[in-house]
């Protein structure tokens, strides 16, 4: 059985996915979770607190999806496993994904605590991707490689939920993403020999 907090966050995520941030009123969340508005306020500091909790939960799920063992003999495989985890997280927690990457969110500013969760996810991603770079790679090189691979996956996921997606068999998207990530990893590894 889900805790009250989990029910509230699940309801908020569902409402966000179907109606964006405009759908997230405390009343709507209370109605969706079968709680009173007082029940919502007793667990969260209103809409901002719910959004921050969803944001932190989203980046925690993202970070956990990328928390894969590093294969020192085949670091590319570790990155590919992390990419699969990224795709799975984006598909299974679409509401969270839309919130943490700011799509359709104009009037929400994450708290400092929520922003810290995004930094932790970025550092987790960098930890995996830096394995294909030279040991003396600078922070800038690590950051750039991480942003390149992250943007490939993110870009494809964005396209999957766009009108163009109808032109591509839905079963092909993951393969397209992974093929492109693989090519980019190979290019990074070749450039760093």
C-alpha atoms as a PDB file:
ATOM      1  CA  UNK A   1       0.000   0.000   0.000  1.00  0.00           C
ATOM      2  CA  UNK A   2       1.321   3.417  -0.948  1.00  0.00           C
ATOM      3  CA  UNK A   3       1.993   6.011   1.710  1.00  0.00           C
ATOM      4  CA  UNK A   4      -0.020   9.228   1.680  1.00  0.00           C
ATOM      5  CA  UNK A   5       2.990  11.132   0.358  1.00  0.00           C
ATOM      6  CA  UNK A   6       3.444   8.639  -2.468  1.00  0.00           C
ATOM      7  CA  UNK A   7      -0.260   8.900  -3.361  1.00  0.00           C
ATOM      8  CA  UNK A   8       0.001  12.690  -3.488  1.00  0.00           C
ATOM      9  CA  UNK A   9       3.109  12.608  -5.687  1.00  0.00           C
ATOM     10  CA  UNK A  10       1.601   9.966  -7.963  1.00  0.00           C
ATOM     11  CA  UNK A  11      -1.544  12.075  -8.360  1.00  0.00           C
ATOM     12  CA  UNK A  12       0.519  15.216  -9.013  1.00  0.00           C
ATOM     13  CA  UNK A  13       2.664  13.419 -11.583  1.00  0.00           C
ATOM     14  CA  UNK A  14      -0.423  12.123 -13.370  1.00  0.00           C
ATOM     15  CA  UNK A  15      -2.038  15.566 -13.417  1.00  0.00           C
ATOM     16  CA  UNK A  16       1.193  17.184 -14.625  1.00  0.00           C
ATOM     17  CA  UNK A  17       1.507  14.664 -17.444  1.00  0.00           C
ATOM     18  CA  UNK A  18      -2.029  15.238 -18.673  1.00  0.00           C
ATOM     19  CA  UNK A  19      -2.346  18.980 -18.134  1.00  0.00           C
ATOM     20  CA  UNK A  20       1.052  20.485 -17.417  1.00  0.00           C
ATOM     21  CA  UNK A  21       1.768  22.745 -14.505  1.00  0.00           C
ATOM     22  CA  UNK A  22      -1.595  24.498 -14.910  1.00  0.00           C
ATOM     23  CA  UNK A  23      -3.323  21.258 -13.872  1.00  0.00           C
ATOM     24  CA  UNK A  24      -1.485  21.187 -10.545  1.00  0.00           C
ATOM     25  CA  UNK A  25      -3.694  22.925  -8.084  1.00  0.00           C
ATOM     26  CA  UNK A  26      -3.834  21.673  -4.519  1.00  0.00           C
ATOM     27  CA  UNK A  27      -7.564  21.017  -5.010  1.00  0.00           C
ATOM     28  CA  UNK A  28      -6.973  18.942  -8.150  1.00  0.00           C
ATOM     29  CA  UNK A  29      -4.213  16.949  -6.447  1.00  0.00           C
ATOM     30  CA  UNK A  30      -6.438  16.374  -3.421  1.00  0.00           C
ATOM     31  CA  UNK A  31      -9.270  15.193  -5.662  1.00  0.00           C
ATOM     32  CA  UNK A  32      -6.968  12.881  -7.680  1.00  0.00           C
ATOM     33  CA  UNK A  33      -5.404  11.373  -4.537  1.00  0.00           C
ATOM     34  CA  UNK A  34      -8.690  11.135  -2.618  1.00  0.00           C
ATOM     35  CA  UNK A  35      -7.403  13.370   0.171  1.00  0.00           C
ATOM     36  CA  UNK A  36      -8.443  16.697   1.602  1.00  0.00           C
ATOM     37  CA  UNK A  37      -6.557  19.876   0.744  1.00  0.00           C
ATOM     38  CA  UNK A  38      -5.531  20.003   4.413  1.00  0.00           C
ATOM     39  CA  UNK A  39      -4.033  16.531   3.919  1.00  0.00           C
ATOM     40  CA  UNK A  40      -1.974  17.873   1.036  1.00  0.00           C
ATOM     41  CA  UNK A  41      -0.749  20.860   3.057  1.00  0.00           C
ATOM     42  CA  UNK A  42       0.128  18.641   6.016  1.00  0.00           C
ATOM     43  CA  UNK A  43       2.572  16.706   3.818  1.00  0.00           C
ATOM     44  CA  UNK A  44       3.826  19.459   1.522  1.00  0.00           C
ATOM     45  CA  UNK A  45       4.167  23.191   1.554  1.00  0.00           C
ATOM     46  CA  UNK A  46       1.575  23.654  -1.174  1.00  0.00           C
ATOM     47  CA  UNK A  47       2.184  23.412  -4.900  1.00  0.00           C
ATOM     48  CA  UNK A  48       5.841  24.514  -4.691  1.00  0.00           C
ATOM     49  CA  UNK A  49       6.603  21.756  -2.188  1.00  0.00           C
ATOM     50  CA  UNK A  50       4.908  19.148  -4.361  1.00  0.00           C
ATOM     51  CA  UNK A  51       6.789  20.330  -7.451  1.00  0.00           C
ATOM     52  CA  UNK A  52      10.092  20.295  -5.574  1.00  0.00           C
ATOM     53  CA  UNK A  53       9.377  16.769  -4.338  1.00  0.00           C
ATOM     54  CA  UNK A  54       8.516  15.602  -7.867  1.00  0.00           C
ATOM     55  CA  UNK A  55      11.641  17.306  -9.209  1.00  0.00           C
ATOM     56  CA  UNK A  56      13.876  15.676  -6.599  1.00  0.00           C
ATOM     57  CA  UNK A  57      12.158  12.324  -7.098  1.00  0.00           C
ATOM     58  CA  UNK A  58      12.602  12.659 -10.878  1.00  0.00           C
ATOM     59  CA  UNK A  59      16.309  13.400 -10.653  1.00  0.00           C
ATOM     60  CA  UNK A  60      16.758  10.678  -8.031  1.00  0.00           C
ATOM     61  CA  UNK A  61      15.155   8.190 -10.421  1.00  0.00           C
ATOM     62  CA  UNK A  62      17.352   9.544 -13.215  1.00  0.00           C
ATOM     63  CA  UNK A  63      20.508   9.259 -11.094  1.00  0.00           C
ATOM     64  CA  UNK A  64      19.577   5.719 -10.010  1.00  0.00           C
ATOM     65  CA  UNK A  65      18.969   4.707 -13.628  1.00  0.00           C
ATOM     66  CA  UNK A  66      22.515   5.808 -14.428  1.00  0.00           C
ATOM     67  CA  UNK A  67      24.066   4.142 -11.397  1.00  0.00           C
ATOM     68  CA  UNK A  68      25.590   1.229 -13.271  1.00  0.00           C
ATOM     69  CA  UNK A  69      28.750  -0.744 -12.540  1.00  0.00           C
ATOM     70  CA  UNK A  70      31.772   0.590 -14.392  1.00  0.00           C
ATOM     71  CA  UNK A  71      33.281  -2.043 -16.650  1.00  0.00           C
ATOM     72  CA  UNK A  72      36.934  -1.020 -16.796  1.00  0.00           C
ATOM     73  CA  UNK A  73      37.581  -3.495 -19.625  1.00  0.00           C
ATOM     74  CA  UNK A  74      34.668  -2.180 -21.675  1.00  0.00           C
ATOM     75  CA  UNK A  75      33.640   1.286 -20.470  1.00  0.00           C
ATOM     76  CA  UNK A  76      31.498   1.800 -23.569  1.00  0.00           C
ATOM     77  CA  UNK A  77      29.212  -0.996 -22.376  1.00  0.00           C
ATOM     78  CA  UNK A  78      28.733   0.806 -19.045  1.00  0.00           C
ATOM     79  CA  UNK A  79      27.682   3.953 -20.893  1.00  0.00           C
ATOM     80  CA  UNK A  80      25.310   1.988 -23.129  1.00  0.00           C
ATOM     81  CA  UNK A  81      23.746   0.367 -20.037  1.00  0.00           C
ATOM     82  CA  UNK A  82      23.310   3.812 -18.490  1.00  0.00           C
ATOM     83  CA  UNK A  83      21.744   5.083 -21.732  1.00  0.00           C
ATOM     84  CA  UNK A  84      19.237   2.224 -21.604  1.00  0.00           C
ATOM     85  CA  UNK A  85      18.446   3.179 -18.006  1.00  0.00           C
ATOM     86  CA  UNK A  86      17.961   6.812 -19.056  1.00  0.00           C
ATOM     87  CA  UNK A  87      15.518   5.768 -21.796  1.00  0.00           C
ATOM     88  CA  UNK A  88      13.616   3.471 -19.438  1.00  0.00           C
ATOM     89  CA  UNK A  89      13.324   6.186 -16.804  1.00  0.00           C
ATOM     90  CA  UNK A  90      12.111   8.719 -19.384  1.00  0.00           C
ATOM     91  CA  UNK A  91       9.462   6.322 -20.655  1.00  0.00           C
ATOM     92  CA  UNK A  92       8.263   4.970 -17.314  1.00  0.00           C
ATOM     93  CA  UNK A  93       8.194   8.318 -15.480  1.00  0.00           C
ATOM     94  CA  UNK A  94       7.186  10.708 -18.238  1.00  0.00           C
ATOM     95  CA  UNK A  95       5.612  13.267 -15.875  1.00  0.00           C
ATOM     96  CA  UNK A  96       8.778  13.454 -13.820  1.00  0.00           C
ATOM     97  CA  UNK A  97      10.890  13.629 -16.975  1.00  0.00           C
ATOM     98  CA  UNK A  98       8.883  16.531 -18.360  1.00  0.00           C
ATOM     99  CA  UNK A  99       9.165  18.391 -15.080  1.00  0.00           C
ATOM    100  CA  UNK A 100      12.891  17.900 -14.479  1.00  0.00           C
ATOM    101  CA  UNK A 101      13.811  18.926 -17.982  1.00  0.00           C
ATOM    102  CA  UNK A 102      11.565  21.984 -17.911  1.00  0.00           C
ATOM    103  CA  UNK A 103       9.280  21.126 -20.777  1.00  0.00           C
ATOM    104  CA  UNK A 104       6.018  23.053 -20.498  1.00  0.00           C
ATOM    105  CA  UNK A 105       7.069  24.492 -17.133  1.00  0.00           C
ATOM    106  CA  UNK A 106       7.248  28.265 -17.089  1.00  0.00           C
ATOM    107  CA  UNK A 107       6.247  29.302 -13.593  1.00  0.00           C
ATOM    108  CA  UNK A 108       8.165  26.795 -11.507  1.00  0.00           C
ATOM    109  CA  UNK A 109      11.598  27.614 -10.132  1.00  0.00           C
ATOM    110  CA  UNK A 110      13.216  24.680  -8.332  1.00  0.00           C
ATOM    111  CA  UNK A 111      14.409  25.258  -4.783  1.00  0.00           C
ATOM    112  CA  UNK A 112      18.115  25.052  -3.979  1.00  0.00           C
ATOM    113  CA  UNK A 113      17.581  21.534  -2.629  1.00  0.00           C
ATOM    114  CA  UNK A 114      15.856  20.514  -5.862  1.00  0.00           C
ATOM    115  CA  UNK A 115      18.640  22.064  -7.955  1.00  0.00           C
ATOM    116  CA  UNK A 116      21.183  20.080  -5.946  1.00  0.00           C
ATOM    117  CA  UNK A 117      19.472  16.860  -7.077  1.00  0.00           C
ATOM    118  CA  UNK A 118      20.037  17.821 -10.714  1.00  0.00           C
ATOM    119  CA  UNK A 119      23.718  18.487 -10.027  1.00  0.00           C
ATOM    120  CA  UNK A 120      24.050  15.047  -8.429  1.00  0.00           C
ATOM    121  CA  UNK A 121      22.495  13.449 -11.523  1.00  0.00           C
ATOM    122  CA  UNK A 122      24.900  15.335 -13.787  1.00  0.00           C
ATOM    123  CA  UNK A 123      27.863  14.215 -11.669  1.00  0.00           C
ATOM    124  CA  UNK A 124      26.622  10.601 -11.829  1.00  0.00           C
ATOM    125  CA  UNK A 125      26.450  10.856 -15.619  1.00  0.00           C
ATOM    126  CA  UNK A 126      29.915  12.406 -15.809  1.00  0.00           C
ATOM    127  CA  UNK A 127      31.342   9.621 -13.618  1.00  0.00           C
ATOM    128  CA  UNK A 128      30.291   7.066 -16.237  1.00  0.00           C
ATOM    129  CA  UNK A 129      31.217   9.017 -19.354  1.00  0.00           C
ATOM    130  CA  UNK A 130      34.649  10.075 -18.123  1.00  0.00           C
ATOM    131  CA  UNK A 131      35.689   6.415 -18.242  1.00  0.00           C
ATOM    132  CA  UNK A 132      36.201   6.710 -22.006  1.00  0.00           C
ATOM    133  CA  UNK A 133      38.317   9.847 -21.706  1.00  0.00           C
ATOM    134  CA  UNK A 134      42.023  10.063 -20.926  1.00  0.00           C
ATOM    135  CA  UNK A 135      42.845   9.973 -17.203  1.00  0.00           C
ATOM    136  CA  UNK A 136      44.171  13.545 -17.429  1.00  0.00           C
ATOM    137  CA  UNK A 137      40.975  14.910 -19.052  1.00  0.00           C
ATOM    138  CA  UNK A 138      39.989  18.316 -17.730  1.00  0.00           C
ATOM    139  CA  UNK A 139      36.679  19.015 -16.056  1.00  0.00           C
ATOM    140  CA  UNK A 140      35.658  20.913 -19.201  1.00  0.00           C
ATOM    141  CA  UNK A 141      36.378  17.884 -21.407  1.00  0.00           C
ATOM    142  CA  UNK A 142      34.400  15.633 -19.067  1.00  0.00           C
ATOM    143  CA  UNK A 143      31.524  18.110 -18.914  1.00  0.00           C
ATOM    144  CA  UNK A 144      31.437  18.514 -22.695  1.00  0.00           C
ATOM    145  CA  UNK A 145      31.452  14.764 -23.365  1.00  0.00           C
ATOM    146  CA  UNK A 146      28.683  14.309 -20.800  1.00  0.00           C
ATOM    147  CA  UNK A 147      26.562  17.077 -22.319  1.00  0.00           C
ATOM    148  CA  UNK A 148      27.055  15.667 -25.811  1.00  0.00           C
ATOM    149  CA  UNK A 149      25.852  12.193 -24.920  1.00  0.00           C
ATOM    150  CA  UNK A 150      23.104  13.495 -22.623  1.00  0.00           C
ATOM    151  CA  UNK A 151      21.794  15.776 -25.372  1.00  0.00           C
ATOM    152  CA  UNK A 152      21.702  12.916 -27.891  1.00  0.00           C
ATOM    153  CA  UNK A 153      19.468  10.823 -25.652  1.00  0.00           C
ATOM    154  CA  UNK A 154      17.379  13.800 -24.558  1.00  0.00           C
ATOM    155  CA  UNK A 155      16.932  14.981 -28.138  1.00  0.00           C
ATOM    156  CA  UNK A 156      15.665  11.635 -29.327  1.00  0.00           C
ATOM    157  CA  UNK A 157      13.323  11.317 -26.360  1.00  0.00           C
ATOM    158  CA  UNK A 158      11.941  14.756 -27.186  1.00  0.00           C
ATOM    159  CA  UNK A 159      11.350  13.644 -30.771  1.00  0.00           C
ATOM    160  CA  UNK A 160       9.612  10.490 -29.575  1.00  0.00           C
ATOM    161  CA  UNK A 161       6.887  12.654 -28.097  1.00  0.00           C
ATOM    162  CA  UNK A 162       6.628  15.015 -31.017  1.00  0.00           C
ATOM    163  CA  UNK A 163       4.504  14.770 -34.152  1.00  0.00           C
ATOM    164  CA  UNK A 164       7.496  13.318 -36.031  1.00  0.00           C
ATOM    165  CA  UNK A 165       7.193  10.194 -33.884  1.00  0.00           C
ATOM    166  CA  UNK A 166       4.267   9.035 -36.005  1.00  0.00           C
ATOM    167  CA  UNK A 167       6.676   8.689 -38.934  1.00  0.00           C
ATOM    168  CA  UNK A 168       8.858   6.171 -37.075  1.00  0.00           C
ATOM    169  CA  UNK A 169       7.794   2.781 -35.744  1.00  0.00           C
ATOM    170  CA  UNK A 170       7.688   3.175 -31.952  1.00  0.00           C
ATOM    171  CA  UNK A 171       9.718  -0.023 -31.538  1.00  0.00           C
ATOM    172  CA  UNK A 172      12.655   1.560 -33.381  1.00  0.00           C
ATOM    173  CA  UNK A 173      13.276   4.571 -31.126  1.00  0.00           C
ATOM    174  CA  UNK A 174      15.439   2.876 -28.522  1.00  0.00           C
ATOM    175  CA  UNK A 175      17.627   1.345 -31.223  1.00  0.00           C
ATOM    176  CA  UNK A 176      18.008   4.721 -32.931  1.00  0.00           C
ATOM    177  CA  UNK A 177      19.053   6.341 -29.662  1.00  0.00           C
ATOM    178  CA  UNK A 178      21.513   3.600 -28.744  1.00  0.00           C
ATOM    179  CA  UNK A 179      23.030   3.469 -32.240  1.00  0.00           C
ATOM    180  CA  UNK A 180      23.678   7.212 -32.171  1.00  0.00           C
ATOM    181  CA  UNK A 181      25.120   7.097 -28.643  1.00  0.00           C
ATOM    182  CA  UNK A 182      27.360   4.215 -29.698  1.00  0.00           C
ATOM    183  CA  UNK A 183      28.652   6.157 -32.707  1.00  0.00           C
ATOM    184  CA  UNK A 184      29.374   9.192 -30.542  1.00  0.00           C
ATOM    185  CA  UNK A 185      31.186   7.118 -27.927  1.00  0.00           C
ATOM    186  CA  UNK A 186      33.320   5.599 -30.671  1.00  0.00           C
ATOM    187  CA  UNK A 187      34.125   9.086 -31.991  1.00  0.00           C
ATOM    188  CA  UNK A 188      35.057  10.335 -28.511  1.00  0.00           C
ATOM    189  CA  UNK A 189      37.256   7.311 -27.901  1.00  0.00           C
ATOM    190  CA  UNK A 190      38.929   7.687 -31.310  1.00  0.00           C
ATOM    191  CA  UNK A 191      39.588  11.402 -30.745  1.00  0.00           C
ATOM    192  CA  UNK A 192      41.159  10.695 -27.381  1.00  0.00           C
ATOM    193  CA  UNK A 193      43.663   8.064 -28.486  1.00  0.00           C
END
